[in-house]
Amino acid sequence: METFSGRAVRLAGIAGALAGWRPDDFWRATPAELETVLTALAGPVAEIAPPPAAATIAALKEQFPDG
């Protein structure tokens, strides 16, 4: 599990690389401002597909047994 500080450091690096922000720019920005800038530069985050149904998993296990 990644810590808050680990995520913040990673996001600060992304903001610096994509938007040219200095660390002070990152720490003064709100989460909404950061999201707006990163979305404008990198595009929206893809929606995550829901997990497969139990029946689908069972069918795949039958079709592709692990041995």
PDB file of N, CA and C in Angstrom:
ATOM      1  N   MET A   1       0.849  -1.192   0.000  1.00  0.00           N
ATOM      2  CA  MET A   1       0.000   0.000   0.000  1.00  0.00           C
ATOM      3  C   MET A   1       0.885   1.242   0.000  1.00  0.00           C
ATOM      4  N   GLU A   2       0.652   2.106  -0.937  1.00  0.00           N
ATOM      5  CA  GLU A   2       1.448   3.310  -1.058  1.00  0.00           C
ATOM      6  C   GLU A   2       0.984   4.345  -0.035  1.00  0.00           C
ATOM      7  N   THR A   3       1.926   5.034   0.582  1.00  0.00           N
ATOM      8  CA  THR A   3       1.594   6.052   1.577  1.00  0.00           C
ATOM      9  C   THR A   3       1.195   7.359   0.903  1.00  0.00           C
ATOM     10  N   PHE A   4       0.588   8.246   1.687  1.00  0.00           N
ATOM     11  CA  PHE A   4       0.220   9.561   1.165  1.00  0.00           C
ATOM     12  C   PHE A   4       1.452  10.286   0.653  1.00  0.00           C
ATOM     13  N   SER A   5       2.539  10.267   1.440  1.00  0.00           N
ATOM     14  CA  SER A   5       3.736  11.000   1.027  1.00  0.00           C
ATOM     15  C   SER A   5       4.341  10.394  -0.242  1.00  0.00           C
ATOM     16  N   GLY A   6       4.275   9.076  -0.380  1.00  0.00           N
ATOM     17  CA  GLY A   6       4.777   8.443  -1.592  1.00  0.00           C
ATOM     18  C   GLY A   6       3.980   8.854  -2.818  1.00  0.00           C
ATOM     19  N   ARG A   7       2.667   8.903  -2.657  1.00  0.00           N
ATOM     20  CA  ARG A   7       1.809   9.332  -3.772  1.00  0.00           C
ATOM     21  C   ARG A   7       2.045  10.799  -4.106  1.00  0.00           C
ATOM     22  N   ALA A   8       2.213  11.622  -3.063  1.00  0.00           N
ATOM     23  CA  ALA A   8       2.434  13.052  -3.284  1.00  0.00           C
ATOM     24  C   ALA A   8       3.734  13.278  -4.045  1.00  0.00           C
ATOM     25  N   VAL A   9       4.782  12.564  -3.682  1.00  0.00           N
ATOM     26  CA  VAL A   9       6.059  12.707  -4.381  1.00  0.00           C
ATOM     27  C   VAL A   9       5.907  12.298  -5.848  1.00  0.00           C
ATOM     28  N   ARG A  10       5.207  11.200  -6.085  1.00  0.00           N
ATOM     29  CA  ARG A  10       5.001  10.737  -7.460  1.00  0.00           C
ATOM     30  C   ARG A  10       4.198  11.763  -8.256  1.00  0.00           C
ATOM     31  N   LEU A  11       3.117  12.293  -7.661  1.00  0.00           N
ATOM     32  CA  LEU A  11       2.303  13.290  -8.358  1.00  0.00           C
ATOM     33  C   LEU A  11       3.076  14.585  -8.594  1.00  0.00           C
ATOM     34  N   ALA A  12       3.920  14.975  -7.639  1.00  0.00           N
ATOM     35  CA  ALA A  12       4.739  16.177  -7.824  1.00  0.00           C
ATOM     36  C   ALA A  12       5.681  15.984  -9.006  1.00  0.00           C
ATOM     37  N   GLY A  13       6.237  14.796  -9.131  1.00  0.00           N
ATOM     38  CA  GLY A  13       7.105  14.508 -10.268  1.00  0.00           C
ATOM     39  C   GLY A  13       6.362  14.546 -11.586  1.00  0.00           C
ATOM     40  N   ILE A  14       5.154  14.003 -11.604  1.00  0.00           N
ATOM     41  CA  ILE A  14       4.334  14.018 -12.815  1.00  0.00           C
ATOM     42  C   ILE A  14       3.977  15.458 -13.184  1.00  0.00           C
ATOM     43  N   ALA A  15       3.584  16.243 -12.181  1.00  0.00           N
ATOM     44  CA  ALA A  15       3.234  17.645 -12.441  1.00  0.00           C
ATOM     45  C   ALA A  15       4.441  18.408 -12.968  1.00  0.00           C
ATOM     46  N   GLY A  16       5.607  18.105 -12.432  1.00  0.00           N
ATOM     47  CA  GLY A  16       6.815  18.762 -12.926  1.00  0.00           C
ATOM     48  C   GLY A  16       7.152  18.355 -14.339  1.00  0.00           C
ATOM     49  N   ALA A  17       7.050  17.060 -14.628  1.00  0.00           N
ATOM     50  CA  ALA A  17       7.407  16.554 -15.957  1.00  0.00           C
ATOM     51  C   ALA A  17       6.418  16.999 -17.028  1.00  0.00           C
ATOM     52  N   LEU A  18       5.125  16.956 -16.730  1.00  0.00           N
ATOM     53  CA  LEU A  18       4.120  17.278 -17.740  1.00  0.00           C
ATOM     54  C   LEU A  18       3.794  18.760 -17.835  1.00  0.00           C
ATOM     55  N   ALA A  19       3.756  19.434 -16.684  1.00  0.00           N
ATOM     56  CA  ALA A  19       3.311  20.829 -16.683  1.00  0.00           C
ATOM     57  C   ALA A  19       4.431  21.820 -16.404  1.00  0.00           C
ATOM     58  N   GLY A  20       5.603  21.311 -16.067  1.00  0.00           N
ATOM     59  CA  GLY A  20       6.706  22.208 -15.757  1.00  0.00           C
ATOM     60  C   GLY A  20       6.580  22.877 -14.393  1.00  0.00           C
ATOM     61  N   TRP A  21       5.739  22.302 -13.533  1.00  0.00           N
ATOM     62  CA  TRP A  21       5.552  22.875 -12.201  1.00  0.00           C
ATOM     63  C   TRP A  21       6.783  22.643 -11.338  1.00  0.00           C
ATOM     64  N   ARG A  22       7.121  23.640 -10.542  1.00  0.00           N
ATOM     65  CA  ARG A  22       8.139  23.495  -9.501  1.00  0.00           C
ATOM     66  C   ARG A  22       7.435  22.903  -8.277  1.00  0.00           C
ATOM     67  N   PRO A  23       8.183  22.360  -7.315  1.00  0.00           N
ATOM     68  CA  PRO A  23       7.530  21.784  -6.130  1.00  0.00           C
ATOM     69  C   PRO A  23       6.574  22.752  -5.431  1.00  0.00           C
ATOM     70  N   ASP A  24       6.952  24.034  -5.349  1.00  0.00           N
ATOM     71  CA  ASP A  24       6.078  25.011  -4.690  1.00  0.00           C
ATOM     72  C   ASP A  24       4.756  25.166  -5.438  1.00  0.00           C
ATOM     73  N   ASP A  25       4.803  25.108  -6.766  1.00  0.00           N
ATOM     74  CA  ASP A  25       3.561  25.187  -7.555  1.00  0.00           C
ATOM     75  C   ASP A  25       2.646  24.014  -7.211  1.00  0.00           C
ATOM     76  N   PHE A  26       3.238  22.817  -7.115  1.00  0.00           N
ATOM     77  CA  PHE A  26       2.466  21.620  -6.786  1.00  0.00           C
ATOM     78  C   PHE A  26       1.811  21.744  -5.420  1.00  0.00           C
ATOM     79  N   TRP A  27       2.573  22.143  -4.411  1.00  0.00           N
ATOM     80  CA  TRP A  27       2.052  22.169  -3.044  1.00  0.00           C
ATOM     81  C   TRP A  27       1.036  23.285  -2.827  1.00  0.00           C
ATOM     82  N   ARG A  28       1.068  24.335  -3.646  1.00  0.00           N
ATOM     83  CA  ARG A  28       0.075  25.408  -3.510  1.00  0.00           C
ATOM     84  C   ARG A  28      -1.205  25.114  -4.285  1.00  0.00           C
ATOM     85  N   ALA A  29      -1.172  24.151  -5.191  1.00  0.00           N
ATOM     86  CA  ALA A  29      -2.340  23.829  -6.009  1.00  0.00           C
ATOM     87  C   ALA A  29      -3.339  22.979  -5.221  1.00  0.00           C
ATOM     88  N   THR A  30      -4.599  23.130  -5.580  1.00  0.00           N
ATOM     89  CA  THR A  30      -5.630  22.268  -5.009  1.00  0.00           C
ATOM     90  C   THR A  30      -5.669  20.968  -5.817  1.00  0.00           C
ATOM     91  N   PRO A  31      -6.235  19.909  -5.239  1.00  0.00           N
ATOM     92  CA  PRO A  31      -6.383  18.672  -6.025  1.00  0.00           C
ATOM     93  C   PRO A  31      -7.157  18.892  -7.321  1.00  0.00           C
ATOM     94  N   ALA A  32      -8.164  19.750  -7.297  1.00  0.00           N
ATOM     95  CA  ALA A  32      -8.949  20.027  -8.512  1.00  0.00           C
ATOM     96  C   ALA A  32      -8.091  20.706  -9.574  1.00  0.00           C
ATOM     97  N   GLU A  33      -7.232  21.639  -9.163  1.00  0.00           N
ATOM     98  CA  GLU A  33      -6.341  22.305 -10.117  1.00  0.00           C
ATOM     99  C   GLU A  33      -5.355  21.312 -10.733  1.00  0.00           C
ATOM    100  N   LEU A  34      -4.796  20.440  -9.900  1.00  0.00           N
ATOM    101  CA  LEU A  34      -3.868  19.430 -10.389  1.00  0.00           C
ATOM    102  C   LEU A  34      -4.562  18.511 -11.391  1.00  0.00           C
ATOM    103  N   GLU A  35      -5.771  18.057 -11.049  1.00  0.00           N
ATOM    104  CA  GLU A  35      -6.521  17.183 -11.951  1.00  0.00           C
ATOM    105  C   GLU A  35      -6.808  17.875 -13.282  1.00  0.00           C
ATOM    106  N   THR A  36      -7.200  19.141 -13.224  1.00  0.00           N
ATOM    107  CA  THR A  36      -7.518  19.886 -14.438  1.00  0.00           C
ATOM    108  C   THR A  36      -6.308  19.996 -15.355  1.00  0.00           C
ATOM    109  N   VAL A  37      -5.164  20.342 -14.785  1.00  0.00           N
ATOM    110  CA  VAL A  37      -3.955  20.503 -15.585  1.00  0.00           C
ATOM    111  C   VAL A  37      -3.497  19.167 -16.162  1.00  0.00           C
ATOM    112  N   LEU A  38      -3.452  18.122 -15.330  1.00  0.00           N
ATOM    113  CA  LEU A  38      -2.988  16.826 -15.818  1.00  0.00           C
ATOM    114  C   LEU A  38      -3.938  16.229 -16.849  1.00  0.00           C
ATOM    115  N   THR A  39      -5.238  16.429 -16.670  1.00  0.00           N
ATOM    116  CA  THR A  39      -6.206  15.938 -17.648  1.00  0.00           C
ATOM    117  C   THR A  39      -6.051  16.680 -18.970  1.00  0.00           C
ATOM    118  N   ALA A  40      -5.816  17.992 -18.905  1.00  0.00           N
ATOM    119  CA  ALA A  40      -5.625  18.768 -20.123  1.00  0.00           C
ATOM    120  C   ALA A  40      -4.379  18.318 -20.878  1.00  0.00           C
ATOM    121  N   LEU A  41      -3.343  17.927 -20.146  1.00  0.00           N
ATOM    122  CA  LEU A  41      -2.080  17.532 -20.776  1.00  0.00           C
ATOM    123  C   LEU A  41      -2.045  16.068 -21.198  1.00  0.00           C
ATOM    124  N   ALA A  42      -2.627  15.196 -20.386  1.00  0.00           N
ATOM    125  CA  ALA A  42      -2.482  13.757 -20.622  1.00  0.00           C
ATOM    126  C   ALA A  42      -3.778  13.074 -21.039  1.00  0.00           C
ATOM    127  N   GLY A  43      -4.889  13.757 -20.951  1.00  0.00           N
ATOM    128  CA  GLY A  43      -6.172  13.155 -21.295  1.00  0.00           C
ATOM    129  C   GLY A  43      -6.830  12.547 -20.073  1.00  0.00           C
ATOM    130  N   PRO A  44      -8.115  12.251 -20.168  1.00  0.00           N
ATOM    131  CA  PRO A  44      -8.852  11.707 -19.018  1.00  0.00           C
ATOM    132  C   PRO A  44      -8.397  10.285 -18.687  1.00  0.00           C
ATOM    133  N   VAL A  45      -8.576   9.925 -17.445  1.00  0.00           N
ATOM    134  CA  VAL A  45      -8.255   8.574 -16.985  1.00  0.00           C
ATOM    135  C   VAL A  45      -9.297   7.625 -17.541  1.00  0.00           C
ATOM    136  N   ALA A  46      -8.847   6.506 -18.055  1.00  0.00           N
ATOM    137  CA  ALA A  46      -9.772   5.514 -18.605  1.00  0.00           C
ATOM    138  C   ALA A  46     -10.624   4.912 -17.493  1.00  0.00           C
ATOM    139  N   GLU A  47     -11.858   4.621 -17.821  1.00  0.00           N
ATOM    140  CA  GLU A  47     -12.738   3.960 -16.862  1.00  0.00           C
ATOM    141  C   GLU A  47     -12.253   2.528 -16.655  1.00  0.00           C
ATOM    142  N   ILE A  48     -12.305   2.073 -15.433  1.00  0.00           N
ATOM    143  CA  ILE A  48     -11.898   0.706 -15.118  1.00  0.00           C
ATOM    144  C   ILE A  48     -13.094  -0.213 -15.307  1.00  0.00           C
ATOM    145  N   ALA A  49     -12.886  -1.285 -16.057  1.00  0.00           N
ATOM    146  CA  ALA A  49     -13.961  -2.238 -16.322  1.00  0.00           C
ATOM    147  C   ALA A  49     -14.314  -2.995 -15.050  1.00  0.00           C
ATOM    148  N   PRO A  50     -15.581  -3.342 -14.871  1.00  0.00           N
ATOM    149  CA  PRO A  50     -15.963  -4.120 -13.688  1.00  0.00           C
ATOM    150  C   PRO A  50     -15.346  -5.520 -13.761  1.00  0.00           C
ATOM    151  N   PRO A  51     -15.174  -6.175 -12.620  1.00  0.00           N
ATOM    152  CA  PRO A  51     -14.600  -7.522 -12.635  1.00  0.00           C
ATOM    153  C   PRO A  51     -15.541  -8.502 -13.334  1.00  0.00           C
ATOM    154  N   PRO A  52     -14.991  -9.577 -13.888  1.00  0.00           N
ATOM    155  CA  PRO A  52     -15.845 -10.550 -14.564  1.00  0.00           C
ATOM    156  C   PRO A  52     -16.747 -11.281 -13.563  1.00  0.00           C
ATOM    157  N   ALA A  53     -17.874 -11.751 -14.054  1.00  0.00           N
ATOM    158  CA  ALA A  53     -18.820 -12.494 -13.222  1.00  0.00           C
ATOM    159  C   ALA A  53     -18.225 -13.851 -12.854  1.00  0.00           C
ATOM    160  N   ALA A  54     -18.727 -14.432 -11.783  1.00  0.00           N
ATOM    161  CA  ALA A  54     -18.241 -15.735 -11.315  1.00  0.00           C
ATOM    162  C   ALA A  54     -18.387 -16.806 -12.397  1.00  0.00           C
ATOM    163  N   ALA A  55     -19.470 -16.766 -13.146  1.00  0.00           N
ATOM    164  CA  ALA A  55     -19.687 -17.749 -14.209  1.00  0.00           C
ATOM    165  C   ALA A  55     -18.634 -17.604 -15.308  1.00  0.00           C
ATOM    166  N   THR A  56     -18.257 -16.379 -15.618  1.00  0.00           N
ATOM    167  CA  THR A  56     -17.230 -16.142 -16.631  1.00  0.00           C
ATOM    168  C   THR A  56     -15.885 -16.695 -16.161  1.00  0.00           C
ATOM    169  N   ILE A  57     -15.552 -16.474 -14.907  1.00  0.00           N
ATOM    170  CA  ILE A  57     -14.297 -16.991 -14.350  1.00  0.00           C
ATOM    171  C   ILE A  57     -14.297 -18.518 -14.370  1.00  0.00           C
ATOM    172  N   ALA A  58     -15.410 -19.115 -13.983  1.00  0.00           N
ATOM    173  CA  ALA A  58     -15.507 -20.583 -13.990  1.00  0.00           C
ATOM    174  C   ALA A  58     -15.328 -21.134 -15.404  1.00  0.00           C
ATOM    175  N   ALA A  59     -15.944 -20.495 -16.383  1.00  0.00           N
ATOM    176  CA  ALA A  59     -15.815 -20.943 -17.772  1.00  0.00           C
ATOM    177  C   ALA A  59     -14.378 -20.813 -18.251  1.00  0.00           C
ATOM    178  N   LEU A  60     -13.710 -19.734 -17.885  1.00  0.00           N
ATOM    179  CA  LEU A  60     -12.308 -19.578 -18.281  1.00  0.00           C
ATOM    180  C   LEU A  60     -11.401 -20.589 -17.605  1.00  0.00           C
ATOM    181  N   LYS A  61     -11.687 -20.928 -16.360  1.00  0.00           N
ATOM    182  CA  LYS A  61     -10.900 -21.947 -15.663  1.00  0.00           C
ATOM    183  C   LYS A  61     -11.047 -23.307 -16.346  1.00  0.00           C
ATOM    184  N   GLU A  62     -12.243 -23.585 -16.828  1.00  0.00           N
ATOM    185  CA  GLU A  62     -12.464 -24.840 -17.547  1.00  0.00           C
ATOM    186  C   GLU A  62     -11.747 -24.836 -18.894  1.00  0.00           C
ATOM    187  N   GLN A  63     -11.823 -23.711 -19.558  1.00  0.00           N
ATOM    188  CA  GLN A  63     -11.225 -23.608 -20.889  1.00  0.00           C
ATOM    189  C   GLN A  63      -9.697 -23.560 -20.841  1.00  0.00           C
ATOM    190  N   PHE A  64      -9.156 -22.957 -19.790  1.00  0.00           N
ATOM    191  CA  PHE A  64      -7.697 -22.800 -19.671  1.00  0.00           C
ATOM    192  C   PHE A  64      -7.246 -23.308 -18.296  1.00  0.00           C
ATOM    193  N   PRO A  65      -7.249 -24.615 -18.072  1.00  0.00           N
ATOM    194  CA  PRO A  65      -6.832 -25.142 -16.762  1.00  0.00           C
ATOM    195  C   PRO A  65      -5.331 -24.898 -16.545  1.00  0.00           C
ATOM    196  N   ASP A  66      -4.968 -24.710 -15.283  1.00  0.00           N
ATOM    197  CA  ASP A  66      -3.578 -24.435 -14.936  1.00  0.00           C
ATOM    198  C   ASP A  66      -2.759 -25.716 -14.784  1.00  0.00           C
ATOM    199  N   GLY A  67      -3.387 -26.844 -14.928  1.00  0.00           N
ATOM    200  CA  GLY A  67      -2.650 -28.087 -14.907  1.00  0.00           C
ATOM    201  C   GLY A  67      -2.749 -28.756 -13.617  1.00  0.00           C
TER     202      GLY A  67
END
